[in-house]
Amino acid sequence: MKIEEIEKEISGLYKEILLREADKIGLEYWSKKMLNELLNLEDIKNELLKSDEYKQLKISIEFPKFNTKISTHEIQEIIDKTSWYHSFNFNGIQNKNTRTTPYEQLWISQFLPKSFKGKSVLDMGCADGFFGFLAAKNEAEKVVCGDFMKFKGFEAAEKITDLHVEHRIINLFDFKETRKFDYVFCFGLYYHLPDPVQSIRYLASITNDTLYFAGPIADDSEPLMYYYEPFELYSADDSNWWVASPSCITGIAKRVGFRDAELIGDRPATHWAIPLQNKKSKRVIQKYGIFKFLK
């Protein structure tokens, strides 16, 4: 078997078992094991199943199941006709060929409250709206999801679930709302915005309690922010502008209206940044972080 074929098979095991892309170190390690120690794919699968990462994945949180009254056949038909950004589990049926994997969404979800009972939630930059639907599932009183367009996955999730989630096609600064939201989500959005300081200031103005904020972060303790030319960060996306260090992001948040701001988790950017990054970029982003800002 050629090395390219071996790496493809190992990558498949990573996605199947660890629910993420295989990292370079892991690919090289297991490829050598197959070539030099005559391990087969079943041996590697068993080793991954015994790994600490898999054990942590199993005990983290169960991927949420969104219930629906429509039939299994109807669910599958809608799923098959839709291009998806987020992963969903509808009555036990998992969609495939998504931009994200269940593990990425579980990683963010573990930092969110388990209940939103009686609370209002805004999911800004929602894409398919997974986190908005999750808040509605967990008893939020009002959920608004917003993005520059209505994604096909959001429309499909609306048809499949029994949850009430309002969608608005909005630009962050054009968003008009008379009331503040108890919780605001801003996941994978800030680096698309030309003015990150004013963006966080505006988010502070519409947050009543807590803003959860996630995106790629610069691996540096200094308060810095890198500017990216069009297509420099991601070779297929010209809408990216900035990537900042955690101390820069929390410093801005505190200055524009949040009483407290902290990085509450980070992980290697195996899915979000590294596979998609422009190889010609001067700076490779190694981490993805999630922050909690309190009013």
C-alpha atoms as a PDB file:
ATOM      1  CA  MET A   1       0.000   0.000   0.000  1.00  0.00           C
ATOM      2  CA  LYS A   2       1.384   3.432  -0.923  1.00  0.00           C
ATOM      3  CA  ILE A   3       2.001   6.041   1.789  1.00  0.00           C
ATOM      4  CA  GLU A   4      -0.766   8.261   0.378  1.00  0.00           C
ATOM      5  CA  GLU A   5      -3.243   5.395   0.646  1.00  0.00           C
ATOM      6  CA  ILE A   6      -2.091   4.578   4.180  1.00  0.00           C
ATOM      7  CA  GLU A   7      -2.541   8.194   5.305  1.00  0.00           C
ATOM      8  CA  LYS A   8      -5.993   8.322   3.710  1.00  0.00           C
ATOM      9  CA  GLU A   9      -7.071   5.204   5.621  1.00  0.00           C
ATOM     10  CA  ILE A  10      -5.655   6.538   8.897  1.00  0.00           C
ATOM     11  CA  SER A  11      -7.399   9.887   8.335  1.00  0.00           C
ATOM     12  CA  GLY A  12     -10.640   7.968   7.944  1.00  0.00           C
ATOM     13  CA  LEU A  13     -10.109   6.284  11.325  1.00  0.00           C
ATOM     14  CA  TYR A  14      -9.487   9.643  13.006  1.00  0.00           C
ATOM     15  CA  LYS A  15     -12.763  11.005  11.629  1.00  0.00           C
ATOM     16  CA  GLU A  16     -14.652   7.841  12.564  1.00  0.00           C
ATOM     17  CA  ILE A  17     -13.307   7.432  16.104  1.00  0.00           C
ATOM     18  CA  LEU A  18     -12.017  10.825  17.293  1.00  0.00           C
ATOM     19  CA  LEU A  19     -14.428  12.887  15.168  1.00  0.00           C
ATOM     20  CA  ARG A  20     -11.692  15.172  13.878  1.00  0.00           C
ATOM     21  CA  GLU A  21      -9.094  15.572  11.155  1.00  0.00           C
ATOM     22  CA  ALA A  22      -5.850  13.634  11.669  1.00  0.00           C
ATOM     23  CA  ASP A  23      -2.943  15.861  12.732  1.00  0.00           C
ATOM     24  CA  LYS A  24       0.432  15.652  10.995  1.00  0.00           C
ATOM     25  CA  ILE A  25       2.191  14.028  13.972  1.00  0.00           C
ATOM     26  CA  GLY A  26      -0.498  11.361  14.286  1.00  0.00           C
ATOM     27  CA  LEU A  27      -0.411  10.569  10.564  1.00  0.00           C
ATOM     28  CA  GLU A  28       3.370  10.180  10.578  1.00  0.00           C
ATOM     29  CA  TYR A  29       3.349   8.064  13.754  1.00  0.00           C
ATOM     30  CA  TRP A  30       0.735   5.564  12.610  1.00  0.00           C
ATOM     31  CA  SER A  31       2.048   5.427   9.044  1.00  0.00           C
ATOM     32  CA  LYS A  32       5.457   4.362  10.358  1.00  0.00           C
ATOM     33  CA  LYS A  33       3.757   1.794  12.579  1.00  0.00           C
ATOM     34  CA  MET A  34       2.053   0.288   9.541  1.00  0.00           C
ATOM     35  CA  LEU A  35       5.175   0.333   7.395  1.00  0.00           C
ATOM     36  CA  ASN A  36       7.790  -0.748   9.955  1.00  0.00           C
ATOM     37  CA  GLU A  37       5.879  -2.842  12.478  1.00  0.00           C
ATOM     38  CA  LEU A  38       3.377  -4.401  10.078  1.00  0.00           C
ATOM     39  CA  LEU A  39       0.354  -3.137  12.004  1.00  0.00           C
ATOM     40  CA  ASN A  40      -2.910  -3.219  10.116  1.00  0.00           C
ATOM     41  CA  LEU A  41      -5.813  -0.760  10.228  1.00  0.00           C
ATOM     42  CA  GLU A  42      -7.688  -2.889  12.755  1.00  0.00           C
ATOM     43  CA  ASP A  43      -4.700  -2.683  15.127  1.00  0.00           C
ATOM     44  CA  ILE A  44      -4.602   1.114  14.788  1.00  0.00           C
ATOM     45  CA  LYS A  45      -8.360   1.335  15.300  1.00  0.00           C
ATOM     46  CA  ASN A  46      -8.056  -0.614  18.552  1.00  0.00           C
ATOM     47  CA  GLU A  47      -5.241   1.650  19.732  1.00  0.00           C
ATOM     48  CA  LEU A  48      -7.268   4.798  19.012  1.00  0.00           C
ATOM     49  CA  LEU A  49     -10.218   3.296  20.911  1.00  0.00           C
ATOM     50  CA  LYS A  50      -7.922   2.857  23.931  1.00  0.00           C
ATOM     51  CA  SER A  51      -6.497   6.391  23.713  1.00  0.00           C
ATOM     52  CA  ASP A  52      -7.051   9.049  26.377  1.00  0.00           C
ATOM     53  CA  GLU A  53      -8.506  11.367  23.741  1.00  0.00           C
ATOM     54  CA  TYR A  54     -11.224   8.845  22.882  1.00  0.00           C
ATOM     55  CA  LYS A  55     -11.993   8.276  26.576  1.00  0.00           C
ATOM     56  CA  GLN A  56     -12.354  12.036  27.089  1.00  0.00           C
ATOM     57  CA  LEU A  57     -14.525  12.286  24.003  1.00  0.00           C
ATOM     58  CA  LYS A  58     -16.853   9.583  25.314  1.00  0.00           C
ATOM     59  CA  ILE A  59     -17.308  11.226  28.697  1.00  0.00           C
ATOM     60  CA  SER A  60     -17.445  14.870  27.529  1.00  0.00           C
ATOM     61  CA  ILE A  61     -21.109  15.288  26.600  1.00  0.00           C
ATOM     62  CA  GLU A  62     -23.478  13.335  24.410  1.00  0.00           C
ATOM     63  CA  PHE A  63     -24.117  14.905  21.029  1.00  0.00           C
ATOM     64  CA  PRO A  64     -27.615  16.406  21.312  1.00  0.00           C
ATOM     65  CA  LYS A  65     -30.453  14.703  19.525  1.00  0.00           C
ATOM     66  CA  PHE A  66     -33.096  16.996  18.032  1.00  0.00           C
ATOM     67  CA  ASN A  67     -36.494  15.334  18.131  1.00  0.00           C
ATOM     68  CA  THR A  68     -39.120  15.777  15.446  1.00  0.00           C
ATOM     69  CA  LYS A  69     -42.587  14.553  14.552  1.00  0.00           C
ATOM     70  CA  ILE A  70     -41.850  13.866  10.893  1.00  0.00           C
ATOM     71  CA  SER A  71     -40.958  10.390   9.672  1.00  0.00           C
ATOM     72  CA  THR A  72     -37.485   8.885   9.354  1.00  0.00           C
ATOM     73  CA  HIS A  73     -37.966   8.764   5.584  1.00  0.00           C
ATOM     74  CA  GLU A  74     -38.800  12.487   5.462  1.00  0.00           C
ATOM     75  CA  ILE A  75     -35.808  13.367   7.639  1.00  0.00           C
ATOM     76  CA  GLN A  76     -33.430  11.404   5.434  1.00  0.00           C
ATOM     77  CA  GLU A  77     -34.902  12.926   2.292  1.00  0.00           C
ATOM     78  CA  ILE A  78     -34.367  16.474   3.580  1.00  0.00           C
ATOM     79  CA  ILE A  79     -30.840  15.667   4.805  1.00  0.00           C
ATOM     80  CA  ASP A  80     -29.830  14.176   1.453  1.00  0.00           C
ATOM     81  CA  LYS A  81     -31.009  17.242  -0.479  1.00  0.00           C
ATOM     82  CA  THR A  82     -29.176  19.748   1.735  1.00  0.00           C
ATOM     83  CA  SER A  83     -25.619  21.072   1.788  1.00  0.00           C
ATOM     84  CA  TRP A  84     -24.674  21.363   5.466  1.00  0.00           C
ATOM     85  CA  TYR A  85     -22.362  23.555   7.511  1.00  0.00           C
ATOM     86  CA  HIS A  86     -23.127  22.094  10.968  1.00  0.00           C
ATOM     87  CA  SER A  87     -23.525  18.511  12.133  1.00  0.00           C
ATOM     88  CA  PHE A  88     -26.979  17.546  13.426  1.00  0.00           C
ATOM     89  CA  ASN A  89     -28.561  14.433  14.907  1.00  0.00           C
ATOM     90  CA  PHE A  90     -32.257  14.328  14.054  1.00  0.00           C
ATOM     91  CA  ASN A  91     -34.083  11.483  15.841  1.00  0.00           C
ATOM     92  CA  GLY A  92     -30.899   9.432  15.658  1.00  0.00           C
ATOM     93  CA  ILE A  93     -30.144  10.245  12.008  1.00  0.00           C
ATOM     94  CA  GLN A  94     -26.824  12.031  11.532  1.00  0.00           C
ATOM     95  CA  ASN A  95     -26.191  14.313   8.555  1.00  0.00           C
ATOM     96  CA  LYS A  96     -22.911  13.907   6.665  1.00  0.00           C
ATOM     97  CA  ASN A  97     -20.509  15.897   4.471  1.00  0.00           C
ATOM     98  CA  THR A  98     -20.587  18.879   6.837  1.00  0.00           C
ATOM     99  CA  ARG A  99     -18.137  21.767   7.197  1.00  0.00           C
ATOM    100  CA  THR A 100     -17.785  20.970  10.917  1.00  0.00           C
ATOM    101  CA  THR A 101     -17.788  17.680  12.827  1.00  0.00           C
ATOM    102  CA  PRO A 102     -19.761  16.729  15.945  1.00  0.00           C
ATOM    103  CA  TYR A 103     -16.597  16.972  18.036  1.00  0.00           C
ATOM    104  CA  GLU A 104     -15.956  20.629  17.172  1.00  0.00           C
ATOM    105  CA  GLN A 105     -19.531  21.500  18.125  1.00  0.00           C
ATOM    106  CA  LEU A 106     -19.379  19.397  21.296  1.00  0.00           C
ATOM    107  CA  TRP A 107     -16.173  21.138  22.282  1.00  0.00           C
ATOM    108  CA  ILE A 108     -17.876  24.540  22.203  1.00  0.00           C
ATOM    109  CA  SER A 109     -21.150  23.221  23.661  1.00  0.00           C
ATOM    110  CA  GLN A 110     -19.479  21.927  26.820  1.00  0.00           C
ATOM    111  CA  PHE A 111     -18.736  25.522  27.865  1.00  0.00           C
ATOM    112  CA  LEU A 112     -22.350  26.682  27.462  1.00  0.00           C
ATOM    113  CA  PRO A 113     -25.043  26.553  30.165  1.00  0.00           C
ATOM    114  CA  LYS A 114     -26.988  23.293  30.295  1.00  0.00           C
ATOM    115  CA  SER A 115     -30.250  25.219  30.591  1.00  0.00           C
ATOM    116  CA  PHE A 116     -31.419  28.510  29.054  1.00  0.00           C
ATOM    117  CA  LYS A 117     -34.848  28.341  30.670  1.00  0.00           C
ATOM    118  CA  GLY A 118     -36.576  31.701  30.499  1.00  0.00           C
ATOM    119  CA  LYS A 119     -33.588  33.370  28.813  1.00  0.00           C
ATOM    120  CA  SER A 120     -33.169  35.142  25.484  1.00  0.00           C
ATOM    121  CA  VAL A 121     -30.375  34.053  23.140  1.00  0.00           C
ATOM    122  CA  LEU A 122     -28.818  35.604  20.038  1.00  0.00           C
ATOM    123  CA  ASP A 123     -26.614  33.443  17.783  1.00  0.00           C
ATOM    124  CA  MET A 124     -24.730  35.939  15.621  1.00  0.00           C
ATOM    125  CA  GLY A 125     -23.052  34.471  12.523  1.00  0.00           C
ATOM    126  CA  CYS A 126     -25.183  31.363  12.976  1.00  0.00           C
ATOM    127  CA  ALA A 127     -24.630  29.472   9.667  1.00  0.00           C
ATOM    128  CA  ASP A 128     -26.951  26.427  10.020  1.00  0.00           C
ATOM    129  CA  GLY A 129     -27.922  27.599  13.505  1.00  0.00           C
ATOM    130  CA  PHE A 130     -26.817  24.564  15.520  1.00  0.00           C
ATOM    131  CA  PHE A 131     -26.127  26.594  18.673  1.00  0.00           C
ATOM    132  CA  GLY A 132     -29.367  28.546  18.356  1.00  0.00           C
ATOM    133  CA  PHE A 133     -31.359  25.325  17.977  1.00  0.00           C
ATOM    134  CA  LEU A 134     -29.443  23.885  20.934  1.00  0.00           C
ATOM    135  CA  ALA A 135     -30.449  26.871  23.088  1.00  0.00           C
ATOM    136  CA  ALA A 136     -34.086  26.442  22.011  1.00  0.00           C
ATOM    137  CA  LYS A 137     -33.894  22.725  22.822  1.00  0.00           C
ATOM    138  CA  ASN A 138     -32.582  23.701  26.262  1.00  0.00           C
ATOM    139  CA  GLU A 139     -35.673  25.833  26.975  1.00  0.00           C
ATOM    140  CA  ALA A 140     -34.615  29.323  25.900  1.00  0.00           C
ATOM    141  CA  GLU A 141     -37.636  31.641  25.852  1.00  0.00           C
ATOM    142  CA  LYS A 142     -36.531  33.539  22.736  1.00  0.00           C
ATOM    143  CA  VAL A 143     -33.870  32.587  20.178  1.00  0.00           C
ATOM    144  CA  VAL A 144     -32.759  34.767  17.270  1.00  0.00           C
ATOM    145  CA  CYS A 145     -30.195  33.549  14.738  1.00  0.00           C
ATOM    146  CA  GLY A 146     -28.555  35.953  12.313  1.00  0.00           C
ATOM    147  CA  ASP A 147     -26.191  35.750   9.350  1.00  0.00           C
ATOM    148  CA  PHE A 148     -25.557  37.491   6.028  1.00  0.00           C
ATOM    149  CA  MET A 149     -27.745  34.860   4.313  1.00  0.00           C
ATOM    150  CA  LYS A 150     -30.075  32.045   5.261  1.00  0.00           C
ATOM    151  CA  PHE A 151     -28.087  28.843   4.967  1.00  0.00           C
ATOM    152  CA  LYS A 152     -29.755  25.788   3.420  1.00  0.00           C
ATOM    153  CA  GLY A 153     -28.935  23.816   6.552  1.00  0.00           C
ATOM    154  CA  PHE A 154     -30.887  26.287   8.687  1.00  0.00           C
ATOM    155  CA  GLU A 155     -33.913  25.958   6.423  1.00  0.00           C
ATOM    156  CA  ALA A 156     -33.655  22.169   6.634  1.00  0.00           C
ATOM    157  CA  ALA A 157     -33.347  22.183  10.440  1.00  0.00           C
ATOM    158  CA  GLU A 158     -36.422  24.441  10.607  1.00  0.00           C
ATOM    159  CA  LYS A 159     -38.416  21.893   8.609  1.00  0.00           C
ATOM    160  CA  ILE A 160     -37.214  18.926  10.629  1.00  0.00           C
ATOM    161  CA  THR A 161     -37.343  20.164  14.231  1.00  0.00           C
ATOM    162  CA  ASP A 162     -40.287  21.328  16.319  1.00  0.00           C
ATOM    163  CA  LEU A 163     -38.246  24.191  17.788  1.00  0.00           C
ATOM    164  CA  HIS A 164     -39.085  27.862  17.340  1.00  0.00           C
ATOM    165  CA  VAL A 165     -35.962  29.758  16.249  1.00  0.00           C
ATOM    166  CA  GLU A 166     -36.244  33.112  14.494  1.00  0.00           C
ATOM    167  CA  HIS A 167     -33.865  33.817  11.617  1.00  0.00           C
ATOM    168  CA  ARG A 168     -32.803  37.230  10.378  1.00  0.00           C
ATOM    169  CA  ILE A 169     -30.575  38.143   7.448  1.00  0.00           C
ATOM    170  CA  ILE A 170     -28.445  40.840   9.025  1.00  0.00           C
ATOM    171  CA  ASN A 171     -25.177  42.682   9.071  1.00  0.00           C
ATOM    172  CA  LEU A 172     -23.825  43.027  12.617  1.00  0.00           C
ATOM    173  CA  PHE A 173     -24.045  46.834  12.612  1.00  0.00           C
ATOM    174  CA  ASP A 174     -27.462  46.895  10.929  1.00  0.00           C
ATOM    175  CA  PHE A 175     -28.994  44.703  13.613  1.00  0.00           C
ATOM    176  CA  LYS A 176     -31.874  46.543  15.253  1.00  0.00           C
ATOM    177  CA  GLU A 177     -33.282  45.195  18.511  1.00  0.00           C
ATOM    178  CA  THR A 178     -35.050  47.111  21.271  1.00  0.00           C
ATOM    179  CA  ARG A 179     -34.163  44.586  23.953  1.00  0.00           C
ATOM    180  CA  LYS A 180     -30.845  43.125  25.014  1.00  0.00           C
ATOM    181  CA  PHE A 181     -30.201  39.379  24.946  1.00  0.00           C
ATOM    182  CA  ASP A 182     -29.266  37.472  28.084  1.00  0.00           C
ATOM    183  CA  TYR A 183     -26.815  35.334  26.124  1.00  0.00           C
ATOM    184  CA  VAL A 184     -25.054  36.141  22.869  1.00  0.00           C
ATOM    185  CA  PHE A 185     -23.038  33.643  20.810  1.00  0.00           C
ATOM    186  CA  CYS A 186     -20.350  34.840  18.426  1.00  0.00           C
ATOM    187  CA  PHE A 187     -18.603  31.755  17.069  1.00  0.00           C
ATOM    188  CA  GLY A 188     -16.270  31.922  14.085  1.00  0.00           C
ATOM    189  CA  LEU A 189     -17.187  35.505  13.249  1.00  0.00           C
ATOM    190  CA  TYR A 190     -14.806  38.152  14.634  1.00  0.00           C
ATOM    191  CA  TYR A 191     -12.015  37.602  12.095  1.00  0.00           C
ATOM    192  CA  HIS A 192     -14.504  38.292   9.269  1.00  0.00           C
ATOM    193  CA  LEU A 193     -15.241  41.796  10.597  1.00  0.00           C
ATOM    194  CA  PRO A 194     -13.241  44.813   9.327  1.00  0.00           C
ATOM    195  CA  ASP A 195     -13.353  46.587  12.697  1.00  0.00           C
ATOM    196  CA  PRO A 196     -13.013  44.105  15.591  1.00  0.00           C
ATOM    197  CA  VAL A 197     -12.973  46.771  18.308  1.00  0.00           C
ATOM    198  CA  GLN A 198     -16.255  48.374  17.255  1.00  0.00           C
ATOM    199  CA  SER A 199     -17.730  44.912  16.679  1.00  0.00           C
ATOM    200  CA  ILE A 200     -17.038  43.810  20.253  1.00  0.00           C
ATOM    201  CA  ARG A 201     -18.272  47.195  21.518  1.00  0.00           C
ATOM    202  CA  TYR A 202     -21.551  46.663  19.659  1.00  0.00           C
ATOM    203  CA  LEU A 203     -21.888  43.104  20.958  1.00  0.00           C
ATOM    204  CA  ALA A 204     -21.417  44.494  24.476  1.00  0.00           C
ATOM    205  CA  SER A 205     -24.276  46.934  23.882  1.00  0.00           C
ATOM    206  CA  ILE A 206     -26.758  44.130  23.114  1.00  0.00           C
ATOM    207  CA  THR A 207     -25.557  41.643  25.747  1.00  0.00           C
ATOM    208  CA  ASN A 208     -27.424  41.604  29.046  1.00  0.00           C
ATOM    209  CA  ASP A 209     -25.474  38.862  30.798  1.00  0.00           C
ATOM    210  CA  THR A 210     -22.881  36.789  28.911  1.00  0.00           C
ATOM    211  CA  LEU A 211     -21.206  36.749  25.503  1.00  0.00           C
ATOM    212  CA  TYR A 212     -19.564  33.511  24.377  1.00  0.00           C
ATOM    213  CA  PHE A 213     -16.975  34.280  21.745  1.00  0.00           C
ATOM    214  CA  ALA A 214     -14.855  31.819  19.729  1.00  0.00           C
ATOM    215  CA  GLY A 215     -12.416  31.869  16.829  1.00  0.00           C
ATOM    216  CA  PRO A 216      -8.804  31.270  15.786  1.00  0.00           C
ATOM    217  CA  ILE A 217      -6.265  32.835  18.128  1.00  0.00           C
ATOM    218  CA  ALA A 218      -2.645  33.881  17.761  1.00  0.00           C
ATOM    219  CA  ASP A 219      -0.354  31.691  19.838  1.00  0.00           C
ATOM    220  CA  ASP A 220       1.274  34.545  21.701  1.00  0.00           C
ATOM    221  CA  SER A 221       1.041  35.940  25.232  1.00  0.00           C
ATOM    222  CA  GLU A 222       1.507  39.518  24.041  1.00  0.00           C
ATOM    223  CA  PRO A 223      -1.561  41.681  23.240  1.00  0.00           C
ATOM    224  CA  LEU A 224      -1.301  41.643  19.471  1.00  0.00           C
ATOM    225  CA  MET A 225      -3.495  41.398  16.404  1.00  0.00           C
ATOM    226  CA  TYR A 226      -2.389  40.226  12.965  1.00  0.00           C
ATOM    227  CA  TYR A 227      -3.877  41.696   9.800  1.00  0.00           C
ATOM    228  CA  TYR A 228      -4.462  39.311   6.884  1.00  0.00           C
ATOM    229  CA  GLU A 229      -4.671  40.213   3.228  1.00  0.00           C
ATOM    230  CA  PRO A 230      -7.605  38.754   1.226  1.00  0.00           C
ATOM    231  CA  PHE A 231      -7.114  34.981   0.794  1.00  0.00           C
ATOM    232  CA  GLU A 232      -4.018  35.049   3.035  1.00  0.00           C
ATOM    233  CA  LEU A 233      -5.564  33.331   6.066  1.00  0.00           C
ATOM    234  CA  TYR A 234      -7.712  30.895   4.082  1.00  0.00           C
ATOM    235  CA  SER A 235      -6.903  30.485   0.401  1.00  0.00           C
ATOM    236  CA  ALA A 236     -10.594  30.028  -0.525  1.00  0.00           C
ATOM    237  CA  ASP A 237     -11.968  32.909   1.556  1.00  0.00           C
ATOM    238  CA  ASP A 238     -11.297  36.628   1.105  1.00  0.00           C
ATOM    239  CA  SER A 239     -13.570  37.731   3.967  1.00  0.00           C
ATOM    240  CA  ASN A 240     -11.001  37.297   6.742  1.00  0.00           C
ATOM    241  CA  TRP A 241      -9.246  40.313   8.265  1.00  0.00           C
ATOM    242  CA  TRP A 242      -7.720  39.626  11.662  1.00  0.00           C
ATOM    243  CA  VAL A 243      -6.503  37.039  14.142  1.00  0.00           C
ATOM    244  CA  ALA A 244      -5.714  38.230  17.661  1.00  0.00           C
ATOM    245  CA  SER A 245      -4.017  36.873  20.776  1.00  0.00           C
ATOM    246  CA  PRO A 246      -6.164  35.994  23.830  1.00  0.00           C
ATOM    247  CA  SER A 247      -4.803  38.949  25.839  1.00  0.00           C
ATOM    248  CA  CYS A 248      -5.697  41.306  22.979  1.00  0.00           C
ATOM    249  CA  ILE A 249      -9.257  39.964  22.743  1.00  0.00           C
ATOM    250  CA  THR A 250      -9.907  40.041  26.490  1.00  0.00           C
ATOM    251  CA  GLY A 251      -8.332  43.503  26.774  1.00  0.00           C
ATOM    252  CA  ILE A 252     -10.639  44.905  24.093  1.00  0.00           C
ATOM    253  CA  ALA A 253     -13.672  43.259  25.714  1.00  0.00           C
ATOM    254  CA  LYS A 254     -12.960  44.823  29.102  1.00  0.00           C
ATOM    255  CA  ARG A 255     -12.333  48.259  27.596  1.00  0.00           C
ATOM    256  CA  VAL A 256     -15.566  48.388  25.578  1.00  0.00           C
ATOM    257  CA  GLY A 257     -18.059  47.392  28.265  1.00  0.00           C
ATOM    258  CA  PHE A 258     -17.567  43.939  29.775  1.00  0.00           C
ATOM    259  CA  ARG A 259     -16.636  43.806  33.463  1.00  0.00           C
ATOM    260  CA  ASP A 260     -14.780  40.523  33.004  1.00  0.00           C
ATOM    261  CA  ALA A 261     -13.374  38.576  30.069  1.00  0.00           C
ATOM    262  CA  GLU A 262     -11.364  35.364  29.971  1.00  0.00           C
ATOM    263  CA  LEU A 263     -10.188  32.612  27.677  1.00  0.00           C
ATOM    264  CA  ILE A 264     -12.016  29.557  29.030  1.00  0.00           C
ATOM    265  CA  GLY A 265     -10.665  26.945  26.619  1.00  0.00           C
ATOM    266  CA  ASP A 266      -8.427  26.373  23.631  1.00  0.00           C
ATOM    267  CA  ARG A 267      -7.536  23.470  21.392  1.00  0.00           C
ATOM    268  CA  PRO A 268      -5.359  22.777  18.359  1.00  0.00           C
ATOM    269  CA  ALA A 269      -6.858  24.279  15.225  1.00  0.00           C
ATOM    270  CA  THR A 270      -6.876  20.880  13.484  1.00  0.00           C
ATOM    271  CA  HIS A 271     -10.217  21.458  11.799  1.00  0.00           C
ATOM    272  CA  TRP A 272     -10.779  25.194  11.638  1.00  0.00           C
ATOM    273  CA  ALA A 273      -7.455  26.601  10.537  1.00  0.00           C
ATOM    274  CA  ILE A 274      -4.612  24.279   9.640  1.00  0.00           C
ATOM    275  CA  PRO A 275      -6.163  22.179   6.824  1.00  0.00           C
ATOM    276  CA  LEU A 276      -7.745  25.249   5.243  1.00  0.00           C
ATOM    277  CA  GLN A 277      -4.988  27.806   5.708  1.00  0.00           C
ATOM    278  CA  ASN A 278      -3.174  29.329   2.801  1.00  0.00           C
ATOM    279  CA  LYS A 279       0.237  27.662   2.731  1.00  0.00           C
ATOM    280  CA  LYS A 280       1.783  30.951   1.551  1.00  0.00           C
ATOM    281  CA  SER A 281       0.605  32.796   4.651  1.00  0.00           C
ATOM    282  CA  LYS A 282       3.376  34.281   6.814  1.00  0.00           C
ATOM    283  CA  ARG A 283       1.654  33.115  10.005  1.00  0.00           C
ATOM    284  CA  VAL A 284       0.154  29.695  10.674  1.00  0.00           C
ATOM    285  CA  ILE A 285      -2.637  29.673  13.241  1.00  0.00           C
ATOM    286  CA  GLN A 286      -2.196  26.820  15.703  1.00  0.00           C
ATOM    287  CA  LYS A 287      -5.097  27.278  18.116  1.00  0.00           C
ATOM    288  CA  TYR A 288      -8.809  27.944  18.319  1.00  0.00           C
ATOM    289  CA  GLY A 289     -10.117  29.535  21.510  1.00  0.00           C
ATOM    290  CA  ILE A 290     -13.393  30.173  23.297  1.00  0.00           C
ATOM    291  CA  PHE A 291     -13.932  33.181  25.568  1.00  0.00           C
ATOM    292  CA  LYS A 292     -16.521  34.193  28.139  1.00  0.00           C
ATOM    293  CA  PHE A 293     -17.317  37.900  28.531  1.00  0.00           C
ATOM    294  CA  LEU A 294     -19.491  39.006  31.474  1.00  0.00           C
ATOM    295  CA  LYS A 295     -21.500  42.243  31.794  1.00  0.00           C
END
